[in-house]
Amino acid sequence: MSSTQPNNPLHGLTLEAIVSRLVEHYGWEQLAGLIKINCFKVDPSVKSSLKFLRKTQWARTEVEALYVRTFSQAVASPWGS
């Protein structure tokens, strides 16, 4: 049996890739408005965000959920955009 996860839209993505794409799409200010965590509000950086998100499961879950909501159509499409 294969170890792929065809129903997992986050399969193969690193947390760094998720955060970077969200920042590219929304920017830090809007991202901080969507997910209320200080690492997005006070002196934000990908590095500080990753450090916090790796230790804080509820925040990581929120970030992953936002990613799926934002990019689910693009991720689910086999033809891309």
N, C-alpha and C. Protein backbone atom coordinates (compact mmCIF):
# COMPACT_ATOMS: atom_id res chain seq x y z
N MET A 1 0.84 -1.18 0.00
CA MET A 1 0.00 0.00 0.00
C MET A 1 0.89 1.25 0.00
N SER A 2 0.47 2.24 -0.70
CA SER A 2 1.23 3.48 -0.84
C SER A 2 1.15 4.33 0.42
N SER A 3 2.18 5.11 0.69
CA SER A 3 2.18 5.97 1.87
C SER A 3 1.71 7.39 1.54
N THR A 4 1.18 7.61 0.34
CA THR A 4 0.69 8.93 -0.03
C THR A 4 -0.62 9.22 0.70
N GLN A 5 -0.94 10.48 0.78
CA GLN A 5 -2.16 10.92 1.46
C GLN A 5 -2.98 11.76 0.47
N PRO A 6 -3.70 11.12 -0.43
CA PRO A 6 -4.39 11.87 -1.49
C PRO A 6 -5.47 12.81 -0.98
N ASN A 7 -6.01 12.57 0.19
CA ASN A 7 -7.07 13.42 0.72
C ASN A 7 -6.56 14.50 1.67
N ASN A 8 -5.26 14.58 1.85
CA ASN A 8 -4.67 15.57 2.74
C ASN A 8 -4.09 16.71 1.90
N PRO A 9 -4.76 17.88 1.88
CA PRO A 9 -4.26 18.99 1.04
C PRO A 9 -2.93 19.56 1.52
N LEU A 10 -2.50 19.22 2.73
CA LEU A 10 -1.23 19.73 3.25
C LEU A 10 -0.08 18.74 3.06
N HIS A 11 -0.38 17.57 2.52
CA HIS A 11 0.65 16.54 2.35
C HIS A 11 1.79 17.07 1.48
N GLY A 12 2.99 16.93 1.98
CA GLY A 12 4.16 17.34 1.23
C GLY A 12 4.56 18.79 1.43
N LEU A 13 3.75 19.54 2.16
CA LEU A 13 4.07 20.95 2.42
C LEU A 13 4.73 21.10 3.79
N THR A 14 5.76 21.90 3.85
CA THR A 14 6.38 22.19 5.14
C THR A 14 5.63 23.35 5.79
N LEU A 15 5.77 23.46 7.09
CA LEU A 15 5.16 24.59 7.80
C LEU A 15 5.73 25.90 7.28
N GLU A 16 7.00 25.91 6.95
CA GLU A 16 7.63 27.11 6.40
C GLU A 16 6.98 27.52 5.07
N ALA A 17 6.71 26.54 4.22
CA ALA A 17 6.06 26.83 2.94
C ALA A 17 4.65 27.37 3.14
N ILE A 18 3.94 26.82 4.12
CA ILE A 18 2.58 27.27 4.41
C ILE A 18 2.58 28.71 4.89
N VAL A 19 3.43 29.01 5.86
CA VAL A 19 3.50 30.37 6.41
C VAL A 19 3.95 31.35 5.33
N SER A 20 4.96 30.99 4.58
CA SER A 20 5.48 31.89 3.54
C SER A 20 4.41 32.20 2.49
N ARG A 21 3.66 31.20 2.08
CA ARG A 21 2.63 31.44 1.07
C ARG A 21 1.50 32.30 1.62
N LEU A 22 1.13 32.07 2.89
CA LEU A 22 0.10 32.91 3.50
C LEU A 22 0.55 34.36 3.61
N VAL A 23 1.80 34.57 3.99
CA VAL A 23 2.35 35.93 4.09
C VAL A 23 2.38 36.58 2.71
N GLU A 24 2.78 35.83 1.71
CA GLU A 24 2.81 36.35 0.34
C GLU A 24 1.41 36.74 -0.13
N HIS A 25 0.44 35.94 0.24
CA HIS A 25 -0.95 36.17 -0.19
C HIS A 25 -1.62 37.30 0.58
N TYR A 26 -1.49 37.29 1.91
CA TYR A 26 -2.20 38.24 2.77
C TYR A 26 -1.35 39.40 3.26
N GLY A 27 -0.07 39.18 3.48
CA GLY A 27 0.78 40.16 4.16
C GLY A 27 0.63 39.97 5.67
N TRP A 28 1.61 40.46 6.42
CA TRP A 28 1.61 40.25 7.88
C TRP A 28 0.42 40.90 8.56
N GLU A 29 0.08 42.13 8.14
CA GLU A 29 -0.99 42.86 8.82
C GLU A 29 -2.33 42.15 8.69
N GLN A 30 -2.67 41.75 7.49
CA GLN A 30 -3.95 41.06 7.29
C GLN A 30 -3.93 39.67 7.93
N LEU A 31 -2.80 39.00 7.88
CA LEU A 31 -2.67 37.69 8.51
C LEU A 31 -2.88 37.79 10.02
N ALA A 32 -2.33 38.84 10.62
CA ALA A 32 -2.51 39.07 12.06
C ALA A 32 -3.98 39.35 12.39
N GLY A 33 -4.69 39.96 11.46
CA GLY A 33 -6.11 40.20 11.67
C GLY A 33 -6.94 38.93 11.57
N LEU A 34 -6.50 38.01 10.75
CA LEU A 34 -7.22 36.75 10.55
C LEU A 34 -6.94 35.74 11.66
N ILE A 35 -5.70 35.72 12.13
CA ILE A 35 -5.30 34.81 13.20
C ILE A 35 -4.62 35.64 14.27
N LYS A 36 -5.25 35.72 15.41
CA LYS A 36 -4.81 36.61 16.49
C LYS A 36 -3.68 35.98 17.31
N ILE A 37 -2.47 36.04 16.77
CA ILE A 37 -1.29 35.60 17.53
C ILE A 37 -0.20 36.66 17.39
N ASN A 38 0.52 36.88 18.47
CA ASN A 38 1.50 37.97 18.53
C ASN A 38 2.63 37.83 17.53
N CYS A 39 3.01 36.61 17.18
CA CYS A 39 4.13 36.47 16.25
C CYS A 39 3.79 37.00 14.86
N PHE A 40 2.51 37.23 14.58
CA PHE A 40 2.11 37.86 13.33
C PHE A 40 1.97 39.37 13.48
N LYS A 41 1.87 39.85 14.73
CA LYS A 41 1.63 41.28 14.99
C LYS A 41 2.89 42.05 15.35
N VAL A 42 3.70 41.50 16.25
CA VAL A 42 4.85 42.21 16.81
C VAL A 42 6.13 41.72 16.14
N ASP A 43 6.77 42.59 15.36
CA ASP A 43 8.02 42.28 14.68
C ASP A 43 7.95 40.91 13.98
N PRO A 44 7.00 40.75 13.05
CA PRO A 44 6.78 39.43 12.45
C PRO A 44 7.91 39.00 11.51
N SER A 45 8.17 37.71 11.54
CA SER A 45 9.10 37.09 10.58
C SER A 45 8.70 35.63 10.45
N VAL A 46 9.09 35.04 9.36
CA VAL A 46 8.79 33.62 9.16
C VAL A 46 9.48 32.80 10.25
N LYS A 47 10.73 33.14 10.55
CA LYS A 47 11.50 32.38 11.55
C LYS A 47 10.82 32.41 12.92
N SER A 48 10.41 33.58 13.39
CA SER A 48 9.77 33.66 14.71
C SER A 48 8.41 32.97 14.70
N SER A 49 7.71 33.06 13.59
CA SER A 49 6.41 32.41 13.48
C SER A 49 6.56 30.90 13.54
N LEU A 50 7.55 30.37 12.83
CA LEU A 50 7.78 28.93 12.84
C LEU A 50 8.11 28.43 14.24
N LYS A 51 8.94 29.17 14.94
CA LYS A 51 9.31 28.78 16.31
C LYS A 51 8.07 28.69 17.19
N PHE A 52 7.20 29.68 17.11
CA PHE A 52 5.97 29.68 17.90
C PHE A 52 5.02 28.57 17.46
N LEU A 53 4.80 28.44 16.17
CA LEU A 53 3.82 27.48 15.65
C LEU A 53 4.25 26.03 15.91
N ARG A 54 5.52 25.78 15.94
CA ARG A 54 5.99 24.41 16.23
C ARG A 54 5.75 24.02 17.68
N LYS A 55 5.65 25.00 18.57
CA LYS A 55 5.41 24.73 19.99
C LYS A 55 3.94 24.83 20.38
N THR A 56 3.11 25.43 19.54
CA THR A 56 1.73 25.74 19.91
C THR A 56 0.76 25.12 18.91
N GLN A 57 0.25 23.95 19.26
CA GLN A 57 -0.56 23.18 18.32
C GLN A 57 -1.84 23.90 17.89
N TRP A 58 -2.53 24.58 18.81
CA TRP A 58 -3.79 25.25 18.43
C TRP A 58 -3.53 26.33 17.37
N ALA A 59 -2.41 27.03 17.49
CA ALA A 59 -2.08 28.08 16.53
C ALA A 59 -1.70 27.47 15.18
N ARG A 60 -0.95 26.39 15.23
CA ARG A 60 -0.58 25.71 13.98
C ARG A 60 -1.83 25.20 13.27
N THR A 61 -2.77 24.66 14.02
CA THR A 61 -4.02 24.18 13.45
C THR A 61 -4.78 25.32 12.77
N GLU A 62 -4.79 26.49 13.38
CA GLU A 62 -5.45 27.67 12.79
C GLU A 62 -4.78 28.08 11.48
N VAL A 63 -3.46 28.09 11.48
CA VAL A 63 -2.70 28.48 10.28
C VAL A 63 -2.95 27.47 9.15
N GLU A 64 -2.91 26.20 9.49
CA GLU A 64 -3.14 25.17 8.47
C GLU A 64 -4.57 25.26 7.92
N ALA A 65 -5.53 25.51 8.79
CA ALA A 65 -6.93 25.63 8.36
C ALA A 65 -7.10 26.84 7.43
N LEU A 66 -6.46 27.96 7.76
CA LEU A 66 -6.53 29.14 6.90
C LEU A 66 -5.91 28.83 5.54
N TYR A 67 -4.81 28.13 5.54
CA TYR A 67 -4.16 27.76 4.28
C TYR A 67 -5.11 26.93 3.41
N VAL A 68 -5.73 25.94 4.02
CA VAL A 68 -6.64 25.07 3.27
C VAL A 68 -7.83 25.87 2.74
N ARG A 69 -8.41 26.74 3.59
CA ARG A 69 -9.54 27.56 3.14
C ARG A 69 -9.13 28.50 2.01
N THR A 70 -7.95 29.05 2.10
CA THR A 70 -7.50 30.03 1.12
C THR A 70 -7.12 29.39 -0.21
N PHE A 71 -6.45 28.28 -0.14
CA PHE A 71 -5.89 27.69 -1.36
C PHE A 71 -6.49 26.34 -1.73
N SER A 72 -7.59 25.95 -1.11
CA SER A 72 -8.13 24.61 -1.35
C SER A 72 -8.50 24.36 -2.80
N GLN A 73 -9.06 25.34 -3.47
CA GLN A 73 -9.43 25.15 -4.86
C GLN A 73 -8.19 24.93 -5.73
N ALA A 74 -7.16 25.73 -5.49
CA ALA A 74 -5.92 25.59 -6.26
C ALA A 74 -5.21 24.27 -5.92
N VAL A 75 -5.26 23.88 -4.64
CA VAL A 75 -4.60 22.64 -4.22
C VAL A 75 -5.36 21.44 -4.77
N ALA A 76 -6.70 21.51 -4.77
CA ALA A 76 -7.52 20.36 -5.17
C ALA A 76 -7.54 20.16 -6.68
N SER A 77 -7.29 21.19 -7.44
CA SER A 77 -7.39 21.11 -8.89
C SER A 77 -6.22 20.33 -9.48
N PRO A 78 -6.49 19.27 -10.21
CA PRO A 78 -5.40 18.52 -10.83
C PRO A 78 -4.76 19.27 -12.00
N TRP A 79 -5.42 20.29 -12.50
CA TRP A 79 -4.91 21.04 -13.66
C TRP A 79 -4.20 22.32 -13.26
N GLY A 80 -4.25 22.69 -11.98
CA GLY A 80 -3.60 23.93 -11.54
C GLY A 80 -4.30 25.15 -12.07
N SER A 81 -3.64 26.29 -11.98
CA SER A 81 -4.27 27.51 -12.51
C SER A 81 -3.36 28.24 -13.45
